[in-house]
């Protein structure tokens, strides 16, 4: 069963603060229980400032499970980090 996306909107931190908060979310996503939940409930994070400037459909949502993959539209974040062997 798939659920709706979990989307975090962060504000008031600037670029460095946003990056730090995203890194903390990614670390949390690595924990066993959260990683398991993210298999059914993909999550992404964006800044409020980017949402106001570009709109929610823009490629500005960073998948919490894999920040290195770069920003994507809100419907694309997956909860499973790709295997990079």
C-alpha atoms as a PDB file:
ATOM      1  CA  UNK A   1       0.000   0.000   0.000  1.00  0.00           C
ATOM      2  CA  UNK A   2       1.328   3.453  -0.915  1.00  0.00           C
ATOM      3  CA  UNK A   3       0.503   6.568   1.036  1.00  0.00           C
ATOM      4  CA  UNK A   4       0.686  10.227   0.092  1.00  0.00           C
ATOM      5  CA  UNK A   5       4.052  11.957   0.132  1.00  0.00           C
ATOM      6  CA  UNK A   6       5.381  13.507   3.319  1.00  0.00           C
ATOM      7  CA  UNK A   7       6.587  16.989   2.405  1.00  0.00           C
ATOM      8  CA  UNK A   8       8.564  19.210   4.796  1.00  0.00           C
ATOM      9  CA  UNK A   9       8.673  22.954   4.178  1.00  0.00           C
ATOM     10  CA  UNK A  10      11.514  24.758   5.962  1.00  0.00           C
ATOM     11  CA  UNK A  11      11.891  28.501   6.371  1.00  0.00           C
ATOM     12  CA  UNK A  12      13.927  31.183   8.080  1.00  0.00           C
ATOM     13  CA  UNK A  13      17.341  29.539   7.958  1.00  0.00           C
ATOM     14  CA  UNK A  14      19.051  30.754   4.771  1.00  0.00           C
ATOM     15  CA  UNK A  15      20.906  28.426   2.418  1.00  0.00           C
ATOM     16  CA  UNK A  16      23.367  27.101   5.006  1.00  0.00           C
ATOM     17  CA  UNK A  17      20.670  26.512   7.606  1.00  0.00           C
ATOM     18  CA  UNK A  18      18.494  24.782   5.022  1.00  0.00           C
ATOM     19  CA  UNK A  19      21.371  22.457   4.055  1.00  0.00           C
ATOM     20  CA  UNK A  20      22.058  21.661   7.728  1.00  0.00           C
ATOM     21  CA  UNK A  21      18.399  20.899   8.431  1.00  0.00           C
ATOM     22  CA  UNK A  22      18.193  18.696   5.334  1.00  0.00           C
ATOM     23  CA  UNK A  23      21.282  16.775   6.456  1.00  0.00           C
ATOM     24  CA  UNK A  24      19.675  16.136   9.834  1.00  0.00           C
ATOM     25  CA  UNK A  25      16.509  14.895   8.132  1.00  0.00           C
ATOM     26  CA  UNK A  26      18.591  12.582   5.941  1.00  0.00           C
ATOM     27  CA  UNK A  27      20.356  11.176   9.016  1.00  0.00           C
ATOM     28  CA  UNK A  28      16.992  10.543  10.634  1.00  0.00           C
ATOM     29  CA  UNK A  29      15.832   8.817   7.451  1.00  0.00           C
ATOM     30  CA  UNK A  30      18.682   6.315   7.883  1.00  0.00           C
ATOM     31  CA  UNK A  31      17.387   5.069  11.226  1.00  0.00           C
ATOM     32  CA  UNK A  32      15.802   1.630  10.994  1.00  0.00           C
ATOM     33  CA  UNK A  33      12.203   2.555  11.797  1.00  0.00           C
ATOM     34  CA  UNK A  34      12.122   5.735   9.735  1.00  0.00           C
ATOM     35  CA  UNK A  35      13.780   4.038   6.745  1.00  0.00           C
ATOM     36  CA  UNK A  36      11.154   1.316   6.951  1.00  0.00           C
ATOM     37  CA  UNK A  37       8.338   3.881   7.052  1.00  0.00           C
ATOM     38  CA  UNK A  38       9.841   5.762   4.087  1.00  0.00           C
ATOM     39  CA  UNK A  39       9.434   2.650   1.937  1.00  0.00           C
ATOM     40  CA  UNK A  40       5.676   3.313   2.026  1.00  0.00           C
ATOM     41  CA  UNK A  41       5.650   7.065   2.607  1.00  0.00           C
ATOM     42  CA  UNK A  42       8.220   8.883   0.444  1.00  0.00           C
ATOM     43  CA  UNK A  43       9.340  12.234   1.839  1.00  0.00           C
ATOM     44  CA  UNK A  44      10.821  15.413   0.440  1.00  0.00           C
ATOM     45  CA  UNK A  45      11.942  18.777   1.768  1.00  0.00           C
ATOM     46  CA  UNK A  46      11.884  22.269   0.223  1.00  0.00           C
ATOM     47  CA  UNK A  47      12.350  25.813   1.414  1.00  0.00           C
ATOM     48  CA  UNK A  48       9.346  28.114   1.692  1.00  0.00           C
ATOM     49  CA  UNK A  49      11.263  30.800  -0.163  1.00  0.00           C
ATOM     50  CA  UNK A  50      11.790  28.481  -3.164  1.00  0.00           C
ATOM     51  CA  UNK A  51       8.124  27.463  -3.087  1.00  0.00           C
ATOM     52  CA  UNK A  52       7.020  31.093  -3.143  1.00  0.00           C
ATOM     53  CA  UNK A  53       9.419  31.930  -5.976  1.00  0.00           C
ATOM     54  CA  UNK A  54       8.965  28.878  -8.218  1.00  0.00           C
ATOM     55  CA  UNK A  55       5.722  27.199  -7.142  1.00  0.00           C
ATOM     56  CA  UNK A  56       5.148  23.728  -5.699  1.00  0.00           C
ATOM     57  CA  UNK A  57       5.441  21.927  -9.064  1.00  0.00           C
ATOM     58  CA  UNK A  58       9.011  23.075  -9.663  1.00  0.00           C
ATOM     59  CA  UNK A  59      11.988  20.791  -9.228  1.00  0.00           C
ATOM     60  CA  UNK A  60      12.803  21.997  -5.730  1.00  0.00           C
ATOM     61  CA  UNK A  61      11.891  19.019  -3.518  1.00  0.00           C
ATOM     62  CA  UNK A  62      14.924  17.216  -2.114  1.00  0.00           C
ATOM     63  CA  UNK A  63      14.229  13.497  -1.417  1.00  0.00           C
ATOM     64  CA  UNK A  64      15.031  12.967   2.271  1.00  0.00           C
ATOM     65  CA  UNK A  65      16.170   9.395   1.678  1.00  0.00           C
ATOM     66  CA  UNK A  66      18.753  10.537  -0.895  1.00  0.00           C
ATOM     67  CA  UNK A  67      19.697  14.232  -0.859  1.00  0.00           C
ATOM     68  CA  UNK A  68      22.542  13.541  -3.307  1.00  0.00           C
ATOM     69  CA  UNK A  69      20.030  12.778  -6.055  1.00  0.00           C
ATOM     70  CA  UNK A  70      19.173  16.484  -6.257  1.00  0.00           C
ATOM     71  CA  UNK A  71      15.845  18.309  -6.344  1.00  0.00           C
ATOM     72  CA  UNK A  72      12.843  16.800  -8.106  1.00  0.00           C
ATOM     73  CA  UNK A  73       9.134  17.683  -8.516  1.00  0.00           C
ATOM     74  CA  UNK A  74       6.977  16.874  -5.466  1.00  0.00           C
ATOM     75  CA  UNK A  75       5.596  13.692  -7.027  1.00  0.00           C
ATOM     76  CA  UNK A  76       8.998  12.066  -7.613  1.00  0.00           C
ATOM     77  CA  UNK A  77      10.693  11.635  -4.195  1.00  0.00           C
ATOM     78  CA  UNK A  78      11.001   8.002  -3.281  1.00  0.00           C
ATOM     79  CA  UNK A  79      11.551   6.576   0.163  1.00  0.00           C
ATOM     80  CA  UNK A  80      14.236   4.155  -0.921  1.00  0.00           C
ATOM     81  CA  UNK A  81      17.826   5.241  -1.466  1.00  0.00           C
ATOM     82  CA  UNK A  82      19.219   3.707  -4.667  1.00  0.00           C
ATOM     83  CA  UNK A  83      21.752   0.933  -4.215  1.00  0.00           C
ATOM     84  CA  UNK A  84      25.153   2.408  -5.147  1.00  0.00           C
ATOM     85  CA  UNK A  85      27.375  -0.638  -5.285  1.00  0.00           C
END
